[in-house]
C-alpha atoms as a PDB file:
ATOM      1  CA  MET A   1    -102.379 188.644 129.688  1.00  0.00           C
ATOM      2  CA  PRO A   2    -102.074 185.649 132.043  1.00  0.00           C
ATOM      3  CA  GLU A   3    -102.666 186.134 135.755  1.00  0.00           C
ATOM      4  CA  GLY A   4    -101.425 184.436 138.886  1.00  0.00           C
ATOM      5  CA  THR A   5    -100.886 184.888 142.613  1.00  0.00           C
ATOM      6  CA  ILE A   6     -97.632 185.810 144.295  1.00  0.00           C
ATOM      7  CA  LYS A   7     -96.672 182.666 146.154  1.00  0.00           C
ATOM      8  CA  ARG A   8     -93.335 183.632 147.657  1.00  0.00           C
ATOM      9  CA  LEU A   9     -91.137 186.730 147.927  1.00  0.00           C
ATOM     10  CA  THR A  10     -87.479 186.704 148.951  1.00  0.00           C
ATOM     11  CA  ASP A  11     -85.277 189.358 150.516  1.00  0.00           C
ATOM     12  CA  ARG A  12     -82.988 189.089 147.478  1.00  0.00           C
ATOM     13  CA  GLY A  13     -85.321 190.866 145.028  1.00  0.00           C
ATOM     14  CA  PHE A  14     -87.127 187.996 143.356  1.00  0.00           C
ATOM     15  CA  GLY A  15     -90.187 185.857 143.875  1.00  0.00           C
ATOM     16  CA  PHE A  16     -92.446 183.185 142.467  1.00  0.00           C
ATOM     17  CA  ILE A  17     -95.933 183.343 140.955  1.00  0.00           C
ATOM     18  CA  ASP A  18     -98.451 180.523 141.305  1.00  0.00           C
ATOM     19  CA  THR A  19    -100.006 180.254 137.853  1.00  0.00           C
ATOM     20  CA  GLY A  20    -102.315 177.375 138.712  1.00  0.00           C
ATOM     21  CA  GLY A  21    -100.111 174.926 136.808  1.00  0.00           C
ATOM     22  CA  ASP A  22     -97.580 172.366 137.958  1.00  0.00           C
ATOM     23  CA  LYS A  23     -94.678 174.775 138.420  1.00  0.00           C
ATOM     24  CA  ASP A  24     -94.387 178.270 139.846  1.00  0.00           C
ATOM     25  CA  LEU A  25     -93.026 181.029 137.622  1.00  0.00           C
ATOM     26  CA  PHE A  26     -89.909 182.972 138.664  1.00  0.00           C
ATOM     27  CA  PHE A  27     -89.817 186.782 138.470  1.00  0.00           C
ATOM     28  CA  HIS A  28     -87.143 189.352 139.283  1.00  0.00           C
ATOM     29  CA  SER A  29     -87.771 192.830 140.673  1.00  0.00           C
ATOM     30  CA  SER A  30     -86.462 194.303 137.399  1.00  0.00           C
ATOM     31  CA  SER A  31     -89.522 192.753 135.681  1.00  0.00           C
ATOM     32  CA  LEU A  32     -92.025 194.854 137.677  1.00  0.00           C
ATOM     33  CA  GLU A  33     -94.093 197.593 136.050  1.00  0.00           C
ATOM     34  CA  GLY A  34     -95.952 200.279 137.976  1.00  0.00           C
ATOM     35  CA  VAL A  35     -95.194 198.808 141.405  1.00  0.00           C
ATOM     36  CA  GLY A  36     -92.107 198.584 143.602  1.00  0.00           C
ATOM     37  CA  TYR A  37     -90.844 195.278 144.953  1.00  0.00           C
ATOM     38  CA  ASP A  38     -91.317 196.523 148.544  1.00  0.00           C
ATOM     39  CA  GLU A  39     -95.020 197.129 147.835  1.00  0.00           C
ATOM     40  CA  LEU A  40     -95.719 193.491 146.906  1.00  0.00           C
ATOM     41  CA  GLN A  41     -97.224 190.962 149.308  1.00  0.00           C
ATOM     42  CA  GLU A  42     -97.678 187.228 149.095  1.00  0.00           C
ATOM     43  CA  GLY A  43    -101.204 186.380 147.952  1.00  0.00           C
ATOM     44  CA  GLN A  44    -101.603 189.411 145.659  1.00  0.00           C
ATOM     45  CA  ARG A  45    -102.945 188.857 142.139  1.00  0.00           C
ATOM     46  CA  VAL A  46    -100.645 189.910 139.320  1.00  0.00           C
ATOM     47  CA  SER A  47    -100.697 189.836 135.546  1.00  0.00           C
ATOM     48  CA  PHE A  48     -97.583 189.087 133.519  1.00  0.00           C
ATOM     49  CA  THR A  49     -96.106 188.144 130.175  1.00  0.00           C
ATOM     50  CA  ALA A  50     -94.489 184.716 129.896  1.00  0.00           C
ATOM     51  CA  GLY A  51     -90.818 184.947 129.039  1.00  0.00           C
ATOM     52  CA  ARG A  52     -87.646 182.903 129.009  1.00  0.00           C
ATOM     53  CA  GLY A  53     -84.679 183.585 131.279  1.00  0.00           C
ATOM     54  CA  PRO A  54     -81.237 181.989 131.482  1.00  0.00           C
ATOM     55  CA  LYS A  55     -82.550 179.265 133.801  1.00  0.00           C
ATOM     56  CA  GLY A  56     -85.917 178.622 132.141  1.00  0.00           C
ATOM     57  CA  PRO A  57     -89.409 180.134 132.033  1.00  0.00           C
ATOM     58  CA  CYS A  58     -89.968 183.397 133.901  1.00  0.00           C
ATOM     59  CA  ALA A  59     -92.527 186.172 134.227  1.00  0.00           C
ATOM     60  CA  GLU A  60     -91.894 189.550 132.609  1.00  0.00           C
ATOM     61  CA  ASN A  61     -93.878 192.821 132.674  1.00  0.00           C
ATOM     62  CA  VAL A  62     -95.329 191.899 136.085  1.00  0.00           C
ATOM     63  CA  LYS A  63     -98.022 194.302 137.362  1.00  0.00           C
ATOM     64  CA  LEU A  64    -100.820 194.184 139.898  1.00  0.00           C
ATOM     65  CA  ALA A  65    -104.036 192.756 138.466  1.00  0.00           C
END
């Protein structure tokens, strides 16, 4: 399972993961597993499954690493 670092969280229930590549990966709070959106902090390590959303690549099955 790939890992990354939470780069940015919004007050609208989504955020972005720095995967170490050129672009950050979008995730929505509905993609979280085993953790609530309010418990997340920027800089935390997470693991995820790469997926495809309506606007492009996104992270699914996001959980703390």
